[in-house]
Each structure stands twice: as C-alpha cells, then as structure tokens.
C-alpha cells in the first residue's frame, strides 16, 4: 500500500531544476504544506526487497543514474468520493482515433519521471518501448492502489495486471522529463480499469522558448485491467 511521504531534499532539488516539474510540484503540493489537491506517496517498487528478488527490476535495474535516478508520484486527495461515482464498465476507446480519450476530471495520480541515458535507450536518445510499458504499468498500479487503500481490507489484497495495452504515438526522448497522468475509469468487484497518458515537452529547435509556453505533447497512452485478490493465484 502506498503511503504519504515527504519528498527528500535530493528529489526536490532535482525536480525544482526543471521548470515544468517545479510548477507541477508547487501547484499540486503547494510546497509540501499539505494544502494542495495532491499528496506525494511512497513507491514501494522503487526499493529492492532482499533477501527475495521482489521489485528487483524497478527497484534495481531502473533505479540508477543511467536509468531513472528520480521518480515521484502524486496522488489526488479524497479519492473516496470519486470511487463511488465510477461506472462498472470501462469506456469504449477507439484505438484508431487521433485524439486520446481523456476523462473530464483531473488525474488520480501524476508521476514525474527523470529519464537518464544510456540505460533506457532503444534507438538513439529514445526510450525503449518496453521501458515505456513498464512505466505505465507502475504508474497505473499506484492509481489502483490509491483507491484500494481507502478500503478497510486493502492490506489483504494483491494487485495484478490482467491486461495492458500501449499505443505509441511519438518517440519519448532521453534524457528528459516524462509526466504520466493516470485515471481509474471503472470498477466492478475485484476488477479495476485504468488509462494513462505519457506527456513530454517538445524539443527546442529555434534557440529555445520560455519554459511556461513550451508545448506539451502526448507521446504515448495506455489502458489496463487490474485484478485484486487475496490469493497468490488469480
């Protein structure tokens, strides 16, 4: 279960050095005064858990200076009121549409990812597609976990990815900042459906633009089905 956390000095210093990330943190957290619409949460998968190999990939391979040195997730407050309004069937999404399906409410979680190099590269300066899928999987997991955490029996559940669909629209560049917005869009019994958008700023080609007017573009989108169970088997 993800719990609220205070961002470390290193995390704050890193993301504050990126104007877009700094703006997101200040707006969402109101500088960690706990008065904003979001709260930073712990990311358990970020820590390798010896002596088992649990979270070895995300907590080890993807937690280096050459891969993802910093990653922070913010969870929207008061998800209980939203949960009661979620439909029991996911929206029908046209996979061929040029426009991404976007819920009418703010995202349930916002994940800031510092993409380093060369550890994430597939093509030159481009994040490998498998890494993108991994980031979607983790970001949407945290959104599902945030909803289950409001349940008194949440500690009894394990959450499994039953299906993950990713649409790659544009290359995701590294090094750079990637922002993932995630929403839970339907719940029925043990099942939860989610969607997510991965957004990055446009590269500068003409000497640069003011940070606050740089274009943010959708690079990739994902949808997934999750199943919560008390057993190791689905």
C-alpha atoms as a PDB file:
ATOM      1  CA  UNK A   1       0.000   0.000   0.000  1.00  0.00           C
ATOM      2  CA  UNK A   2       1.358   3.431  -0.927  1.00  0.00           C
ATOM      3  CA  UNK A   3       1.511   5.890   1.958  1.00  0.00           C
ATOM      4  CA  UNK A   4       2.063   9.670   2.066  1.00  0.00           C
ATOM      5  CA  UNK A   5       5.694  10.778   2.055  1.00  0.00           C
ATOM      6  CA  UNK A   6       7.753  13.939   2.303  1.00  0.00           C
ATOM      7  CA  UNK A   7       9.955  14.468  -0.724  1.00  0.00           C
ATOM      8  CA  UNK A   8      13.659  14.265   0.002  1.00  0.00           C
ATOM      9  CA  UNK A   9      15.972  17.225  -0.454  1.00  0.00           C
ATOM     10  CA  UNK A  10      17.553  15.433  -3.425  1.00  0.00           C
ATOM     11  CA  UNK A  11      14.168  14.866  -5.098  1.00  0.00           C
ATOM     12  CA  UNK A  12      13.102  18.457  -4.537  1.00  0.00           C
ATOM     13  CA  UNK A  13      16.402  19.829  -5.790  1.00  0.00           C
ATOM     14  CA  UNK A  14      16.335  17.693  -8.927  1.00  0.00           C
ATOM     15  CA  UNK A  15      12.751  18.379  -9.983  1.00  0.00           C
ATOM     16  CA  UNK A  16      12.968  22.030  -8.949  1.00  0.00           C
ATOM     17  CA  UNK A  17      15.767  22.403 -11.501  1.00  0.00           C
ATOM     18  CA  UNK A  18      13.243  21.544 -14.253  1.00  0.00           C
ATOM     19  CA  UNK A  19      10.754  24.437 -14.593  1.00  0.00           C
ATOM     20  CA  UNK A  20       7.800  22.278 -15.694  1.00  0.00           C
ATOM     21  CA  UNK A  21       8.335  19.754 -12.890  1.00  0.00           C
ATOM     22  CA  UNK A  22       8.781  22.548 -10.366  1.00  0.00           C
ATOM     23  CA  UNK A  23       5.492  24.107 -11.484  1.00  0.00           C
ATOM     24  CA  UNK A  24       3.655  20.788 -11.129  1.00  0.00           C
ATOM     25  CA  UNK A  25       5.009  20.200  -7.632  1.00  0.00           C
ATOM     26  CA  UNK A  26       4.277  23.730  -6.447  1.00  0.00           C
ATOM     27  CA  UNK A  27       0.756  23.720  -7.854  1.00  0.00           C
ATOM     28  CA  UNK A  28      -0.134  20.213  -6.703  1.00  0.00           C
ATOM     29  CA  UNK A  29       1.522  20.157  -3.282  1.00  0.00           C
ATOM     30  CA  UNK A  30       1.674  23.868  -2.504  1.00  0.00           C
ATOM     31  CA  UNK A  31       5.302  23.323  -1.494  1.00  0.00           C
ATOM     32  CA  UNK A  32       4.533  20.347   0.763  1.00  0.00           C
ATOM     33  CA  UNK A  33       2.327  22.317   3.128  1.00  0.00           C
ATOM     34  CA  UNK A  34      -0.257  19.569   2.632  1.00  0.00           C
ATOM     35  CA  UNK A  35      -2.825  22.094   1.449  1.00  0.00           C
ATOM     36  CA  UNK A  36      -2.754  21.184  -2.223  1.00  0.00           C
ATOM     37  CA  UNK A  37      -5.013  18.917  -4.228  1.00  0.00           C
ATOM     38  CA  UNK A  38      -2.376  16.153  -4.248  1.00  0.00           C
ATOM     39  CA  UNK A  39      -0.058  14.435  -1.800  1.00  0.00           C
ATOM     40  CA  UNK A  40       3.237  12.730  -2.590  1.00  0.00           C
ATOM     41  CA  UNK A  41       3.112   8.980  -1.964  1.00  0.00           C
ATOM     42  CA  UNK A  42       5.626   6.258  -1.306  1.00  0.00           C
ATOM     43  CA  UNK A  43       6.535   3.988  -4.234  1.00  0.00           C
ATOM     44  CA  UNK A  44       7.265   0.528  -2.763  1.00  0.00           C
ATOM     45  CA  UNK A  45       8.505  -0.910  -6.075  1.00  0.00           C
ATOM     46  CA  UNK A  46      11.339   1.618  -6.022  1.00  0.00           C
ATOM     47  CA  UNK A  47      13.063  -0.389  -3.273  1.00  0.00           C
ATOM     48  CA  UNK A  48      14.622  -3.816  -3.828  1.00  0.00           C
ATOM     49  CA  UNK A  49      13.498  -6.173  -1.083  1.00  0.00           C
ATOM     50  CA  UNK A  50      16.220  -8.604  -0.039  1.00  0.00           C
ATOM     51  CA  UNK A  51      16.629 -11.483   0.509  1.00  0.00           C
ATOM     52  CA  UNK A  52      13.912 -12.058  -2.114  1.00  0.00           C
ATOM     53  CA  UNK A  53      14.104 -10.692  -5.646  1.00  0.00           C
ATOM     54  CA  UNK A  54      10.843  -8.745  -5.303  1.00  0.00           C
ATOM     55  CA  UNK A  55      10.927  -5.413  -7.151  1.00  0.00           C
ATOM     56  CA  UNK A  56      14.411  -6.196  -8.440  1.00  0.00           C
ATOM     57  CA  UNK A  57      13.676  -4.751 -11.877  1.00  0.00           C
ATOM     58  CA  UNK A  58      12.062  -1.466 -10.913  1.00  0.00           C
ATOM     59  CA  UNK A  59      13.998  -1.055  -7.670  1.00  0.00           C
ATOM     60  CA  UNK A  60      17.353  -2.145  -9.048  1.00  0.00           C
ATOM     61  CA  UNK A  61      17.741  -2.026 -12.806  1.00  0.00           C
ATOM     62  CA  UNK A  62      15.593   1.105 -13.183  1.00  0.00           C
ATOM     63  CA  UNK A  63      16.939   2.979 -10.162  1.00  0.00           C
ATOM     64  CA  UNK A  64      20.398   4.030 -11.305  1.00  0.00           C
ATOM     65  CA  UNK A  65      21.980   7.252 -12.532  1.00  0.00           C
ATOM     66  CA  UNK A  66      21.931   5.812 -16.056  1.00  0.00           C
ATOM     67  CA  UNK A  67      18.232   4.806 -15.999  1.00  0.00           C
ATOM     68  CA  UNK A  68      15.718   6.557 -13.707  1.00  0.00           C
ATOM     69  CA  UNK A  69      17.584   8.405 -10.953  1.00  0.00           C
ATOM     70  CA  UNK A  70      14.450  10.175  -9.673  1.00  0.00           C
ATOM     71  CA  UNK A  71      10.754   9.390  -9.822  1.00  0.00           C
ATOM     72  CA  UNK A  72       7.905  10.871  -7.774  1.00  0.00           C
ATOM     73  CA  UNK A  73       4.182  10.109  -7.774  1.00  0.00           C
ATOM     74  CA  UNK A  74       1.478  12.459  -6.510  1.00  0.00           C
ATOM     75  CA  UNK A  75      -1.955  11.121  -5.520  1.00  0.00           C
ATOM     76  CA  UNK A  76      -5.111  13.161  -5.634  1.00  0.00           C
ATOM     77  CA  UNK A  77      -6.749  13.664  -2.260  1.00  0.00           C
ATOM     78  CA  UNK A  78     -10.232  12.386  -1.350  1.00  0.00           C
ATOM     79  CA  UNK A  79     -10.499   9.631  -3.925  1.00  0.00           C
ATOM     80  CA  UNK A  80     -13.275   8.019  -1.872  1.00  0.00           C
ATOM     81  CA  UNK A  81     -15.860  10.416  -3.307  1.00  0.00           C
ATOM     82  CA  UNK A  82     -14.679   9.708  -6.847  1.00  0.00           C
ATOM     83  CA  UNK A  83     -14.653   5.947  -6.322  1.00  0.00           C
ATOM     84  CA  UNK A  84     -18.363   5.857  -5.532  1.00  0.00           C
ATOM     85  CA  UNK A  85     -19.120   7.515  -8.882  1.00  0.00           C
ATOM     86  CA  UNK A  86     -17.030   5.261 -11.116  1.00  0.00           C
ATOM     87  CA  UNK A  87     -19.003   3.165 -13.623  1.00  0.00           C
ATOM     88  CA  UNK A  88     -18.839  -0.631 -13.603  1.00  0.00           C
ATOM     89  CA  UNK A  89     -17.899  -0.839 -17.281  1.00  0.00           C
ATOM     90  CA  UNK A  90     -14.853   0.799 -18.914  1.00  0.00           C
ATOM     91  CA  UNK A  91     -15.358   3.400 -21.646  1.00  0.00           C
ATOM     92  CA  UNK A  92     -15.203   2.266 -25.266  1.00  0.00           C
ATOM     93  CA  UNK A  93     -11.965   3.672 -26.669  1.00  0.00           C
ATOM     94  CA  UNK A  94     -11.374   3.961 -30.407  1.00  0.00           C
ATOM     95  CA  UNK A  95      -7.825   2.698 -30.898  1.00  0.00           C
ATOM     96  CA  UNK A  96      -7.626   4.364 -34.323  1.00  0.00           C
ATOM     97  CA  UNK A  97      -8.648   7.836 -33.147  1.00  0.00           C
ATOM     98  CA  UNK A  98      -6.160  10.661 -33.453  1.00  0.00           C
ATOM     99  CA  UNK A  99      -7.496  12.096 -30.200  1.00  0.00           C
ATOM    100  CA  UNK A 100      -6.755  10.348 -26.927  1.00  0.00           C
ATOM    101  CA  UNK A 101      -9.620   9.566 -24.572  1.00  0.00           C
ATOM    102  CA  UNK A 102      -9.312  11.922 -21.597  1.00  0.00           C
ATOM    103  CA  UNK A 103     -11.552  11.837 -18.502  1.00  0.00           C
ATOM    104  CA  UNK A 104     -13.233  15.113 -17.570  1.00  0.00           C
ATOM    105  CA  UNK A 105     -11.618  15.227 -14.112  1.00  0.00           C
ATOM    106  CA  UNK A 106      -8.015  15.834 -13.028  1.00  0.00           C
ATOM    107  CA  UNK A 107      -5.776  12.743 -12.991  1.00  0.00           C
ATOM    108  CA  UNK A 108      -5.878  10.448  -9.973  1.00  0.00           C
ATOM    109  CA  UNK A 109      -2.084  10.253  -9.932  1.00  0.00           C
ATOM    110  CA  UNK A 110       0.704  12.290 -11.519  1.00  0.00           C
ATOM    111  CA  UNK A 111       4.076  10.590 -11.936  1.00  0.00           C
ATOM    112  CA  UNK A 112       7.205  12.630 -12.650  1.00  0.00           C
ATOM    113  CA  UNK A 113       9.947  10.521 -14.221  1.00  0.00           C
ATOM    114  CA  UNK A 114      13.534  11.655 -14.713  1.00  0.00           C
ATOM    115  CA  UNK A 115      14.745   9.788 -17.793  1.00  0.00           C
ATOM    116  CA  UNK A 116      18.504   9.314 -17.951  1.00  0.00           C
ATOM    117  CA  UNK A 117      20.849   7.849 -20.534  1.00  0.00           C
ATOM    118  CA  UNK A 118      22.125   5.473 -21.849  1.00  0.00           C
ATOM    119  CA  UNK A 119      20.360   2.841 -19.754  1.00  0.00           C
ATOM    120  CA  UNK A 120      16.853   3.464 -21.137  1.00  0.00           C
ATOM    121  CA  UNK A 121      17.719   3.886 -24.799  1.00  0.00           C
ATOM    122  CA  UNK A 122      16.430   1.703 -27.606  1.00  0.00           C
ATOM    123  CA  UNK A 123      17.091   3.899 -30.593  1.00  0.00           C
ATOM    124  CA  UNK A 124      19.464   6.820 -30.100  1.00  0.00           C
ATOM    125  CA  UNK A 125      18.169   9.211 -27.407  1.00  0.00           C
ATOM    126  CA  UNK A 126      14.835   7.359 -27.455  1.00  0.00           C
ATOM    127  CA  UNK A 127      13.349   5.383 -24.578  1.00  0.00           C
ATOM    128  CA  UNK A 128      12.886   1.675 -25.314  1.00  0.00           C
ATOM    129  CA  UNK A 129       9.219   0.751 -25.807  1.00  0.00           C
ATOM    130  CA  UNK A 130       9.403  -1.934 -23.138  1.00  0.00           C
ATOM    131  CA  UNK A 131      10.517   0.651 -20.590  1.00  0.00           C
ATOM    132  CA  UNK A 132       7.552   2.842 -21.542  1.00  0.00           C
ATOM    133  CA  UNK A 133       5.196  -0.084 -20.897  1.00  0.00           C
ATOM    134  CA  UNK A 134       6.880  -0.676 -17.530  1.00  0.00           C
ATOM    135  CA  UNK A 135       6.412   2.946 -16.518  1.00  0.00           C
ATOM    136  CA  UNK A 136       2.740   2.837 -17.485  1.00  0.00           C
ATOM    137  CA  UNK A 137       2.294  -0.375 -15.516  1.00  0.00           C
ATOM    138  CA  UNK A 138       3.802   1.106 -12.361  1.00  0.00           C
ATOM    139  CA  UNK A 139       2.009   4.458 -12.647  1.00  0.00           C
ATOM    140  CA  UNK A 140      -1.413   2.866 -13.166  1.00  0.00           C
ATOM    141  CA  UNK A 141      -0.763   0.354 -10.391  1.00  0.00           C
ATOM    142  CA  UNK A 142      -0.295   3.246  -7.974  1.00  0.00           C
ATOM    143  CA  UNK A 143      -3.621   4.726  -9.095  1.00  0.00           C
ATOM    144  CA  UNK A 144      -5.409   1.428  -8.447  1.00  0.00           C
ATOM    145  CA  UNK A 145      -3.647   1.016  -5.114  1.00  0.00           C
ATOM    146  CA  UNK A 146      -4.730   4.506  -4.080  1.00  0.00           C
ATOM    147  CA  UNK A 147      -8.379   3.503  -4.499  1.00  0.00           C
ATOM    148  CA  UNK A 148      -7.978   0.182  -2.712  1.00  0.00           C
ATOM    149  CA  UNK A 149      -6.148   1.919   0.129  1.00  0.00           C
ATOM    150  CA  UNK A 150      -9.399   3.598   1.103  1.00  0.00           C
ATOM    151  CA  UNK A 151     -10.857   0.151   1.863  1.00  0.00           C
ATOM    152  CA  UNK A 152     -10.534  -1.329   5.337  1.00  0.00           C
ATOM    153  CA  UNK A 153      -9.444  -4.635   3.824  1.00  0.00           C
ATOM    154  CA  UNK A 154      -6.929  -3.127   1.402  1.00  0.00           C
ATOM    155  CA  UNK A 155      -3.983  -4.684   3.218  1.00  0.00           C
ATOM    156  CA  UNK A 156      -5.290  -8.135   2.317  1.00  0.00           C
ATOM    157  CA  UNK A 157      -5.142  -7.566  -1.414  1.00  0.00           C
ATOM    158  CA  UNK A 158      -2.525  -8.175  -4.050  1.00  0.00           C
ATOM    159  CA  UNK A 159      -2.989  -6.329  -7.335  1.00  0.00           C
ATOM    160  CA  UNK A 160      -2.148  -7.990 -10.635  1.00  0.00           C
ATOM    161  CA  UNK A 161      -2.021  -6.649 -14.185  1.00  0.00           C
ATOM    162  CA  UNK A 162      -4.500  -8.708 -16.214  1.00  0.00           C
ATOM    163  CA  UNK A 163      -4.159  -6.738 -19.454  1.00  0.00           C
ATOM    164  CA  UNK A 164      -2.036  -3.823 -20.647  1.00  0.00           C
ATOM    165  CA  UNK A 165      -2.455  -2.013 -23.962  1.00  0.00           C
ATOM    166  CA  UNK A 166       0.014   0.659 -25.073  1.00  0.00           C
ATOM    167  CA  UNK A 167      -0.265   2.988 -28.052  1.00  0.00           C
ATOM    168  CA  UNK A 168       2.993   4.632 -29.064  1.00  0.00           C
ATOM    169  CA  UNK A 169       2.265   7.960 -30.748  1.00  0.00           C
ATOM    170  CA  UNK A 170       5.644   9.733 -30.721  1.00  0.00           C
ATOM    171  CA  UNK A 171       9.152   8.875 -29.507  1.00  0.00           C
ATOM    172  CA  UNK A 172       9.906   9.592 -25.869  1.00  0.00           C
ATOM    173  CA  UNK A 173      13.283  11.285 -25.638  1.00  0.00           C
ATOM    174  CA  UNK A 174      16.031  10.672 -23.126  1.00  0.00           C
ATOM    175  CA  UNK A 175      17.462  12.376 -21.195  1.00  0.00           C
ATOM    176  CA  UNK A 176      14.447  14.392 -20.177  1.00  0.00           C
ATOM    177  CA  UNK A 177      11.337  14.647 -18.036  1.00  0.00           C
ATOM    178  CA  UNK A 178       8.300  12.454 -18.633  1.00  0.00           C
ATOM    179  CA  UNK A 179       4.973  13.119 -16.901  1.00  0.00           C
ATOM    180  CA  UNK A 180       2.406  10.314 -16.655  1.00  0.00           C
ATOM    181  CA  UNK A 181      -1.216  11.136 -15.810  1.00  0.00           C
ATOM    182  CA  UNK A 182      -3.288   8.155 -14.656  1.00  0.00           C
ATOM    183  CA  UNK A 183      -7.001   7.661 -14.058  1.00  0.00           C
ATOM    184  CA  UNK A 184      -9.144   4.826 -12.766  1.00  0.00           C
ATOM    185  CA  UNK A 185     -12.130   4.816 -15.116  1.00  0.00           C
ATOM    186  CA  UNK A 186     -14.248   1.861 -13.925  1.00  0.00           C
ATOM    187  CA  UNK A 187     -14.514  -0.620 -11.053  1.00  0.00           C
ATOM    188  CA  UNK A 188     -16.516  -3.805 -10.645  1.00  0.00           C
ATOM    189  CA  UNK A 189     -15.860  -6.222  -7.816  1.00  0.00           C
ATOM    190  CA  UNK A 190     -12.190  -7.194  -7.907  1.00  0.00           C
ATOM    191  CA  UNK A 191     -11.625  -5.539 -11.296  1.00  0.00           C
ATOM    192  CA  UNK A 192     -10.392  -2.010 -11.961  1.00  0.00           C
ATOM    193  CA  UNK A 193      -9.840  -0.387 -15.369  1.00  0.00           C
ATOM    194  CA  UNK A 194      -7.342   2.428 -15.846  1.00  0.00           C
ATOM    195  CA  UNK A 195      -5.959   4.681 -18.549  1.00  0.00           C
ATOM    196  CA  UNK A 196      -2.810   6.823 -18.638  1.00  0.00           C
ATOM    197  CA  UNK A 197      -1.133   9.454 -20.789  1.00  0.00           C
ATOM    198  CA  UNK A 198       2.629   9.961 -21.084  1.00  0.00           C
ATOM    199  CA  UNK A 199       3.459  13.596 -21.885  1.00  0.00           C
ATOM    200  CA  UNK A 200       6.744  15.274 -22.703  1.00  0.00           C
ATOM    201  CA  UNK A 201       7.781  18.785 -23.724  1.00  0.00           C
ATOM    202  CA  UNK A 202       8.624  19.449 -27.339  1.00  0.00           C
ATOM    203  CA  UNK A 203      12.306  19.687 -28.133  1.00  0.00           C
ATOM    204  CA  UNK A 204      13.771  23.110 -28.787  1.00  0.00           C
ATOM    205  CA  UNK A 205      14.789  23.764 -32.390  1.00  0.00           C
ATOM    206  CA  UNK A 206      14.952  27.545 -32.602  1.00  0.00           C
ATOM    207  CA  UNK A 207      17.063  28.632 -29.690  1.00  0.00           C
ATOM    208  CA  UNK A 208      14.512  27.789 -27.023  1.00  0.00           C
ATOM    209  CA  UNK A 209      11.192  29.030 -25.726  1.00  0.00           C
ATOM    210  CA  UNK A 210      10.076  30.258 -22.357  1.00  0.00           C
ATOM    211  CA  UNK A 211       9.503  27.189 -20.189  1.00  0.00           C
ATOM    212  CA  UNK A 212       5.901  28.017 -19.383  1.00  0.00           C
ATOM    213  CA  UNK A 213       4.879  28.236 -23.025  1.00  0.00           C
ATOM    214  CA  UNK A 214       6.664  25.118 -24.291  1.00  0.00           C
ATOM    215  CA  UNK A 215       4.281  22.704 -25.982  1.00  0.00           C
ATOM    216  CA  UNK A 216       3.448  19.566 -24.021  1.00  0.00           C
ATOM    217  CA  UNK A 217       2.673  16.661 -26.326  1.00  0.00           C
ATOM    218  CA  UNK A 218       1.126  13.256 -25.793  1.00  0.00           C
ATOM    219  CA  UNK A 219       3.829  10.715 -26.599  1.00  0.00           C
ATOM    220  CA  UNK A 220       2.078   7.509 -25.618  1.00  0.00           C
ATOM    221  CA  UNK A 221      -1.125   6.293 -23.995  1.00  0.00           C
ATOM    222  CA  UNK A 222      -2.173   3.109 -22.232  1.00  0.00           C
ATOM    223  CA  UNK A 223      -5.181   1.276 -20.856  1.00  0.00           C
ATOM    224  CA  UNK A 224      -5.184  -1.651 -18.477  1.00  0.00           C
ATOM    225  CA  UNK A 225      -7.281  -4.092 -16.481  1.00  0.00           C
ATOM    226  CA  UNK A 226      -6.313  -4.952 -12.919  1.00  0.00           C
ATOM    227  CA  UNK A 227      -7.497  -7.725 -10.622  1.00  0.00           C
ATOM    228  CA  UNK A 228      -7.223  -7.605  -6.838  1.00  0.00           C
ATOM    229  CA  UNK A 229      -7.011 -10.892  -4.968  1.00  0.00           C
ATOM    230  CA  UNK A 230      -6.173 -12.179  -1.514  1.00  0.00           C
ATOM    231  CA  UNK A 231      -4.513 -15.247  -3.001  1.00  0.00           C
ATOM    232  CA  UNK A 232      -1.279 -15.737  -4.897  1.00  0.00           C
ATOM    233  CA  UNK A 233      -3.302 -17.212  -7.733  1.00  0.00           C
ATOM    234  CA  UNK A 234      -5.825 -15.261  -9.809  1.00  0.00           C
END
